Each structure stands twice: as structure tokens, then as C-alpha cells.
């Protein structure tokens, strides 16, 4: 709408000029909210850096703390982390993208992790994963359209004797069938 407002302002005069300016305000408010969120993220990251920057091998603990604080690791904080550790942005980005635990985008309201380890695969985890993807309408590392669930892989929950296993919002579930999966998702949706 900013382009429409500028075009309208160039063509209009008088009362129409005021309406063209008002039309651009939603974009300005959105930009202000975004800038505020970006500043809040930087403040949180700086707090993490103050606590962790001097420790040996600080990058992974810093990334964990940032994700714990923000729910993900936004791209705009990577230069801050890199500078504090004397690393390049590419090095920090490489670590973030190498480890599947780290997210560059916010997760859904609920995080659903399906075990992808050998024991679970031998007991039907692949079929469960296919069912989960179809039921949720998203792939691994994806989030449902409504933002309710993120589907992520996890490599061993320690429930090998009770495979296949999954974790929903930090709570483990064993011997998960497609029907049990559907019931857990439905219950979680109804409680939200």
C-alpha cells in the first residue's frame, strides 16, 4: 500500500491527499512492530552473548540459548553472534543449517517430533511419518497452515523397546499408531 499511497499523493490534492497518507499507515505500523521485534531479539541475543561469549566452544550453547529465548534463530541476529565470536556469518549460518535442531523460522504452537532412528523405523516409523505428513498437510521441518503444529525429526528418544516413538511438546509417547497419532493431535487442538 505504500506505493499506492505515494502514487495517490502525487495525483491528488486537498482532501484526497490526506486519505492517501492514511492509506499508508498500516504498513508503517507493521514496520514499527517488526523493528520492535527485531530490537527485542537483539537485546535477548546480547544477553546470551554476555553470559556465554568467553566460554570455550561457545557457539552451540549460544545458539541453544538464543533458540530457547526466541523460539528460533532469526537471520538478523546471525551477524551479531558472528561478530561476538570472531566468526564469519557463513560459519554461524553453516552450524545453524547443519544441525536439524535449530530453526531459522518460528515453530508452530506445538512441536511434534517423530523418531527416525533405526529401531523406530524397523517398527513402522516410516508409515507413521507418511501418515503424519498427510494428516498435518506438511513435511518434516514444516508447519501446518494454521501454525498449530511443526513436524520435526528426532534421532532417538530412548524408547527403542516401545517403538515407534514421538514427542509432542516435550512429552514422549511410545508404540504410536496412526490412530493414536490422530487422537493426540485432536486432543492437543481441542486443548489449545
C-alpha atoms as a PDB file:
ATOM      1  CA  UNK A   1       0.000   0.000   0.000  1.00  0.00           C
ATOM      2  CA  UNK A   2       2.946   2.382   0.347  1.00  0.00           C
ATOM      3  CA  UNK A   3       3.328   2.538  -3.452  1.00  0.00           C
ATOM      4  CA  UNK A   4      -0.397   3.177  -3.890  1.00  0.00           C
ATOM      5  CA  UNK A   5      -0.224   5.913  -1.272  1.00  0.00           C
ATOM      6  CA  UNK A   6       2.697   7.661  -2.966  1.00  0.00           C
ATOM      7  CA  UNK A   7       1.068   7.391  -6.407  1.00  0.00           C
ATOM      8  CA  UNK A   8      -2.203   8.656  -4.965  1.00  0.00           C
ATOM      9  CA  UNK A   9      -0.440  11.528  -3.211  1.00  0.00           C
ATOM     10  CA  UNK A  10       1.271  12.562  -6.432  1.00  0.00           C
ATOM     11  CA  UNK A  11      -2.031  12.621  -8.319  1.00  0.00           C
ATOM     12  CA  UNK A  12      -4.347  14.001  -5.639  1.00  0.00           C
ATOM     13  CA  UNK A  13      -4.662  17.292  -3.869  1.00  0.00           C
ATOM     14  CA  UNK A  14      -6.584  18.586  -0.859  1.00  0.00           C
ATOM     15  CA  UNK A  15      -8.780  16.031   0.951  1.00  0.00           C
ATOM     16  CA  UNK A  16      -7.607  13.213  -1.289  1.00  0.00           C
ATOM     17  CA  UNK A  17      -4.013  13.829  -0.142  1.00  0.00           C
ATOM     18  CA  UNK A  18      -4.967  13.100   3.479  1.00  0.00           C
ATOM     19  CA  UNK A  19      -6.676   9.846   2.541  1.00  0.00           C
ATOM     20  CA  UNK A  20      -3.605   8.766   0.546  1.00  0.00           C
ATOM     21  CA  UNK A  21      -1.380   9.340   3.567  1.00  0.00           C
ATOM     22  CA  UNK A  22      -3.763   7.488   5.913  1.00  0.00           C
ATOM     23  CA  UNK A  23      -3.799   4.552   3.483  1.00  0.00           C
ATOM     24  CA  UNK A  24      -0.061   4.010   4.079  1.00  0.00           C
ATOM     25  CA  UNK A  25      -0.303   3.868   7.899  1.00  0.00           C
ATOM     26  CA  UNK A  26      -0.918   0.098   8.224  1.00  0.00           C
ATOM     27  CA  UNK A  27       2.431  -0.576   6.527  1.00  0.00           C
ATOM     28  CA  UNK A  28       4.163   1.873   8.860  1.00  0.00           C
ATOM     29  CA  UNK A  29       2.619   0.242  11.939  1.00  0.00           C
ATOM     30  CA  UNK A  30       3.638  -3.200  10.665  1.00  0.00           C
ATOM     31  CA  UNK A  31       7.169  -1.956  10.052  1.00  0.00           C
ATOM     32  CA  UNK A  32       7.279  -0.476  13.561  1.00  0.00           C
ATOM     33  CA  UNK A  33       6.143  -3.802  15.077  1.00  0.00           C
ATOM     34  CA  UNK A  34       8.757  -5.645  13.036  1.00  0.00           C
ATOM     35  CA  UNK A  35      11.511  -3.228  14.078  1.00  0.00           C
ATOM     36  CA  UNK A  36      10.430  -3.582  17.710  1.00  0.00           C
ATOM     37  CA  UNK A  37      10.518  -7.378  17.474  1.00  0.00           C
ATOM     38  CA  UNK A  38      13.944  -7.217  15.790  1.00  0.00           C
ATOM     39  CA  UNK A  39      15.262  -4.973  18.585  1.00  0.00           C
ATOM     40  CA  UNK A  40      13.804  -7.301  21.237  1.00  0.00           C
ATOM     41  CA  UNK A  41      15.555 -10.236  19.595  1.00  0.00           C
ATOM     42  CA  UNK A  42      18.865  -8.369  19.507  1.00  0.00           C
ATOM     43  CA  UNK A  43      18.543  -7.479  23.189  1.00  0.00           C
ATOM     44  CA  UNK A  44      17.906 -11.141  24.031  1.00  0.00           C
ATOM     45  CA  UNK A  45      20.886 -12.238  21.922  1.00  0.00           C
ATOM     46  CA  UNK A  46      23.160  -9.676  23.556  1.00  0.00           C
ATOM     47  CA  UNK A  47      22.146 -11.031  26.961  1.00  0.00           C
ATOM     48  CA  UNK A  48      23.031 -14.559  25.858  1.00  0.00           C
ATOM     49  CA  UNK A  49      26.343 -13.351  24.412  1.00  0.00           C
ATOM     50  CA  UNK A  50      27.271 -11.587  27.657  1.00  0.00           C
ATOM     51  CA  UNK A  51      26.810 -14.839  29.552  1.00  0.00           C
ATOM     52  CA  UNK A  52      28.414 -17.230  27.069  1.00  0.00           C
ATOM     53  CA  UNK A  53      30.925 -15.493  24.802  1.00  0.00           C
ATOM     54  CA  UNK A  54      34.025 -16.256  26.898  1.00  0.00           C
ATOM     55  CA  UNK A  55      33.478 -19.970  27.286  1.00  0.00           C
ATOM     56  CA  UNK A  56      35.339 -22.484  25.086  1.00  0.00           C
ATOM     57  CA  UNK A  57      33.189 -23.796  22.234  1.00  0.00           C
ATOM     58  CA  UNK A  58      30.572 -21.139  22.901  1.00  0.00           C
ATOM     59  CA  UNK A  59      28.750 -21.231  19.554  1.00  0.00           C
ATOM     60  CA  UNK A  60      26.493 -24.235  20.199  1.00  0.00           C
ATOM     61  CA  UNK A  61      25.481 -23.163  23.728  1.00  0.00           C
ATOM     62  CA  UNK A  62      24.788 -19.654  22.387  1.00  0.00           C
ATOM     63  CA  UNK A  63      22.617 -20.997  19.577  1.00  0.00           C
ATOM     64  CA  UNK A  64      20.701 -23.208  22.012  1.00  0.00           C
ATOM     65  CA  UNK A  65      20.128 -20.284  24.386  1.00  0.00           C
ATOM     66  CA  UNK A  66      19.007 -17.978  21.553  1.00  0.00           C
ATOM     67  CA  UNK A  67      16.559 -20.568  20.245  1.00  0.00           C
ATOM     68  CA  UNK A  68      15.276 -21.215  23.773  1.00  0.00           C
ATOM     69  CA  UNK A  69      14.728 -17.477  24.260  1.00  0.00           C
ATOM     70  CA  UNK A  70      13.245 -16.638  20.844  1.00  0.00           C
ATOM     71  CA  UNK A  71      11.851 -19.952  19.630  1.00  0.00           C
ATOM     72  CA  UNK A  72      14.163 -19.800  16.601  1.00  0.00           C
ATOM     73  CA  UNK A  73      17.367 -18.141  15.405  1.00  0.00           C
ATOM     74  CA  UNK A  74      16.372 -15.199  13.205  1.00  0.00           C
ATOM     75  CA  UNK A  75      18.704 -14.369  10.314  1.00  0.00           C
ATOM     76  CA  UNK A  76      19.166 -10.783  11.508  1.00  0.00           C
ATOM     77  CA  UNK A  77      20.882 -11.931  14.736  1.00  0.00           C
ATOM     78  CA  UNK A  78      23.492 -14.087  12.964  1.00  0.00           C
ATOM     79  CA  UNK A  79      25.872 -11.136  12.306  1.00  0.00           C
ATOM     80  CA  UNK A  80      25.720 -10.180  15.995  1.00  0.00           C
ATOM     81  CA  UNK A  81      26.631 -13.720  17.071  1.00  0.00           C
ATOM     82  CA  UNK A  82      29.370 -13.985  14.442  1.00  0.00           C
ATOM     83  CA  UNK A  83      30.968 -10.673  15.430  1.00  0.00           C
ATOM     84  CA  UNK A  84      30.949 -11.545  19.127  1.00  0.00           C
ATOM     85  CA  UNK A  85      32.724 -14.847  18.465  1.00  0.00           C
ATOM     86  CA  UNK A  86      35.094 -13.617  15.757  1.00  0.00           C
ATOM     87  CA  UNK A  87      33.480 -15.903  13.188  1.00  0.00           C
ATOM     88  CA  UNK A  88      32.082 -15.209   9.758  1.00  0.00           C
ATOM     89  CA  UNK A  89      28.331 -15.074   9.240  1.00  0.00           C
ATOM     90  CA  UNK A  90      28.739 -18.063   6.906  1.00  0.00           C
ATOM     91  CA  UNK A  91      30.314 -20.127   9.691  1.00  0.00           C
ATOM     92  CA  UNK A  92      27.454 -19.387  12.084  1.00  0.00           C
ATOM     93  CA  UNK A  93      24.847 -19.958   9.371  1.00  0.00           C
ATOM     94  CA  UNK A  94      26.549 -23.243   8.470  1.00  0.00           C
ATOM     95  CA  UNK A  95      26.202 -24.519  12.025  1.00  0.00           C
ATOM     96  CA  UNK A  96      22.549 -23.427  12.210  1.00  0.00           C
ATOM     97  CA  UNK A  97      21.684 -25.223   8.979  1.00  0.00           C
ATOM     98  CA  UNK A  98      23.813 -28.309   9.716  1.00  0.00           C
ATOM     99  CA  UNK A  99      22.056 -29.210  12.970  1.00  0.00           C
ATOM    100  CA  UNK A 100      18.405 -30.064  12.406  1.00  0.00           C
ATOM    101  CA  UNK A 101      17.524 -28.954  15.934  1.00  0.00           C
ATOM    102  CA  UNK A 102      17.997 -25.282  15.076  1.00  0.00           C
ATOM    103  CA  UNK A 103      15.227 -23.317  13.368  1.00  0.00           C
ATOM    104  CA  UNK A 104      15.561 -20.177  11.274  1.00  0.00           C
ATOM    105  CA  UNK A 105      11.783 -19.613  11.407  1.00  0.00           C
ATOM    106  CA  UNK A 106       9.407 -19.789  14.374  1.00  0.00           C
ATOM    107  CA  UNK A 107       7.900 -23.200  15.095  1.00  0.00           C
ATOM    108  CA  UNK A 108       4.192 -23.831  15.308  1.00  0.00           C
ATOM    109  CA  UNK A 109       2.340 -23.564  18.602  1.00  0.00           C
ATOM    110  CA  UNK A 110       3.013 -27.276  19.179  1.00  0.00           C
ATOM    111  CA  UNK A 111       6.153 -29.171  18.194  1.00  0.00           C
ATOM    112  CA  UNK A 112       5.684 -32.764  17.131  1.00  0.00           C
ATOM    113  CA  UNK A 113       8.884 -34.801  16.813  1.00  0.00           C
ATOM    114  CA  UNK A 114       8.860 -38.247  15.200  1.00  0.00           C
ATOM    115  CA  UNK A 115      11.737 -40.615  15.963  1.00  0.00           C
ATOM    116  CA  UNK A 116      13.721 -41.509  12.844  1.00  0.00           C
ATOM    117  CA  UNK A 117      16.213 -43.908  14.497  1.00  0.00           C
ATOM    118  CA  UNK A 118      16.661 -47.480  13.284  1.00  0.00           C
ATOM    119  CA  UNK A 119      14.582 -49.190  15.967  1.00  0.00           C
ATOM    120  CA  UNK A 120      11.590 -46.976  15.330  1.00  0.00           C
ATOM    121  CA  UNK A 121      11.982 -47.364  11.564  1.00  0.00           C
ATOM    122  CA  UNK A 122      12.012 -51.148  11.971  1.00  0.00           C
ATOM    123  CA  UNK A 123       8.733 -50.896  13.891  1.00  0.00           C
ATOM    124  CA  UNK A 124       6.797 -48.707  11.451  1.00  0.00           C
ATOM    125  CA  UNK A 125       8.067 -45.145  11.874  1.00  0.00           C
ATOM    126  CA  UNK A 126       8.170 -44.598   8.109  1.00  0.00           C
ATOM    127  CA  UNK A 127       4.471 -45.419   7.797  1.00  0.00           C
ATOM    128  CA  UNK A 128       3.748 -43.221  10.813  1.00  0.00           C
ATOM    129  CA  UNK A 129       5.710 -40.368   9.244  1.00  0.00           C
ATOM    130  CA  UNK A 130       3.780 -40.698   5.980  1.00  0.00           C
ATOM    131  CA  UNK A 131       0.524 -40.661   7.934  1.00  0.00           C
ATOM    132  CA  UNK A 132       1.633 -37.622   9.956  1.00  0.00           C
ATOM    133  CA  UNK A 133       2.601 -35.683   6.831  1.00  0.00           C
ATOM    134  CA  UNK A 134      -0.728 -36.471   5.191  1.00  0.00           C
ATOM    135  CA  UNK A 135      -2.765 -35.730   8.344  1.00  0.00           C
ATOM    136  CA  UNK A 136      -0.999 -32.431   9.083  1.00  0.00           C
ATOM    137  CA  UNK A 137      -0.506 -31.350   5.478  1.00  0.00           C
ATOM    138  CA  UNK A 138       3.169 -30.511   5.957  1.00  0.00           C
ATOM    139  CA  UNK A 139       6.527 -32.191   5.541  1.00  0.00           C
ATOM    140  CA  UNK A 140       9.350 -32.610   8.044  1.00  0.00           C
ATOM    141  CA  UNK A 141      10.673 -29.216   9.165  1.00  0.00           C
ATOM    142  CA  UNK A 142       7.327 -27.762   8.124  1.00  0.00           C
ATOM    143  CA  UNK A 143       4.452 -26.139   9.947  1.00  0.00           C
ATOM    144  CA  UNK A 144       0.744 -26.610   9.379  1.00  0.00           C
ATOM    145  CA  UNK A 145      -1.053 -23.825   7.521  1.00  0.00           C
ATOM    146  CA  UNK A 146      -2.783 -22.705  10.713  1.00  0.00           C
ATOM    147  CA  UNK A 147       0.527 -22.528  12.606  1.00  0.00           C
ATOM    148  CA  UNK A 148      -0.658 -25.095  15.143  1.00  0.00           C
ATOM    149  CA  UNK A 149       1.941 -27.855  14.607  1.00  0.00           C
ATOM    150  CA  UNK A 150       5.525 -28.141  13.429  1.00  0.00           C
ATOM    151  CA  UNK A 151       6.654 -31.601  12.325  1.00  0.00           C
ATOM    152  CA  UNK A 152      10.291 -32.407  13.045  1.00  0.00           C
ATOM    153  CA  UNK A 153      12.527 -35.459  13.032  1.00  0.00           C
ATOM    154  CA  UNK A 154      14.354 -36.533  16.147  1.00  0.00           C
ATOM    155  CA  UNK A 155      17.038 -39.204  16.270  1.00  0.00           C
ATOM    156  CA  UNK A 156      16.292 -41.472  19.221  1.00  0.00           C
ATOM    157  CA  UNK A 157      14.067 -40.650  22.136  1.00  0.00           C
ATOM    158  CA  UNK A 158      15.397 -43.596  24.161  1.00  0.00           C
ATOM    159  CA  UNK A 159      12.144 -45.528  23.772  1.00  0.00           C
ATOM    160  CA  UNK A 160      13.559 -48.181  21.458  1.00  0.00           C
ATOM    161  CA  UNK A 161      11.791 -51.044  23.262  1.00  0.00           C
ATOM    162  CA  UNK A 162       8.484 -49.226  22.680  1.00  0.00           C
ATOM    163  CA  UNK A 163       8.884 -48.152  19.058  1.00  0.00           C
ATOM    164  CA  UNK A 164       7.711 -46.221  17.156  1.00  0.00           C
ATOM    165  CA  UNK A 165       8.001 -43.189  19.393  1.00  0.00           C
ATOM    166  CA  UNK A 166       7.249 -39.498  19.146  1.00  0.00           C
ATOM    167  CA  UNK A 167       7.363 -36.429  21.326  1.00  0.00           C
ATOM    168  CA  UNK A 168       4.627 -33.805  21.439  1.00  0.00           C
ATOM    169  CA  UNK A 169       5.556 -30.566  23.184  1.00  0.00           C
ATOM    170  CA  UNK A 170       8.294 -32.336  25.128  1.00  0.00           C
ATOM    171  CA  UNK A 171       6.082 -35.236  26.238  1.00  0.00           C
ATOM    172  CA  UNK A 172       7.170 -38.652  24.924  1.00  0.00           C
ATOM    173  CA  UNK A 173       4.676 -41.159  23.502  1.00  0.00           C
ATOM    174  CA  UNK A 174       5.507 -44.805  22.741  1.00  0.00           C
ATOM    175  CA  UNK A 175       4.058 -47.503  20.478  1.00  0.00           C
ATOM    176  CA  UNK A 176       2.403 -44.784  18.425  1.00  0.00           C
ATOM    177  CA  UNK A 177      -0.078 -45.929  15.789  1.00  0.00           C
ATOM    178  CA  UNK A 178      -1.701 -43.688  13.185  1.00  0.00           C
ATOM    179  CA  UNK A 179      -4.909 -43.779  15.251  1.00  0.00           C
ATOM    180  CA  UNK A 180      -3.027 -42.766  18.408  1.00  0.00           C
ATOM    181  CA  UNK A 181      -1.294 -40.005  16.456  1.00  0.00           C
ATOM    182  CA  UNK A 182      -4.649 -38.643  15.244  1.00  0.00           C
ATOM    183  CA  UNK A 183      -6.069 -38.775  18.776  1.00  0.00           C
ATOM    184  CA  UNK A 184      -3.063 -36.909  20.237  1.00  0.00           C
ATOM    185  CA  UNK A 185      -3.289 -34.206  17.575  1.00  0.00           C
ATOM    186  CA  UNK A 186      -7.066 -33.862  18.064  1.00  0.00           C
ATOM    187  CA  UNK A 187      -6.680 -33.658  21.854  1.00  0.00           C
ATOM    188  CA  UNK A 188      -3.934 -31.053  21.552  1.00  0.00           C
ATOM    189  CA  UNK A 189      -6.044 -28.976  19.141  1.00  0.00           C
ATOM    190  CA  UNK A 190      -9.043 -29.109  21.482  1.00  0.00           C
ATOM    191  CA  UNK A 191      -6.951 -28.050  24.486  1.00  0.00           C
ATOM    192  CA  UNK A 192      -5.440 -25.081  22.657  1.00  0.00           C
END
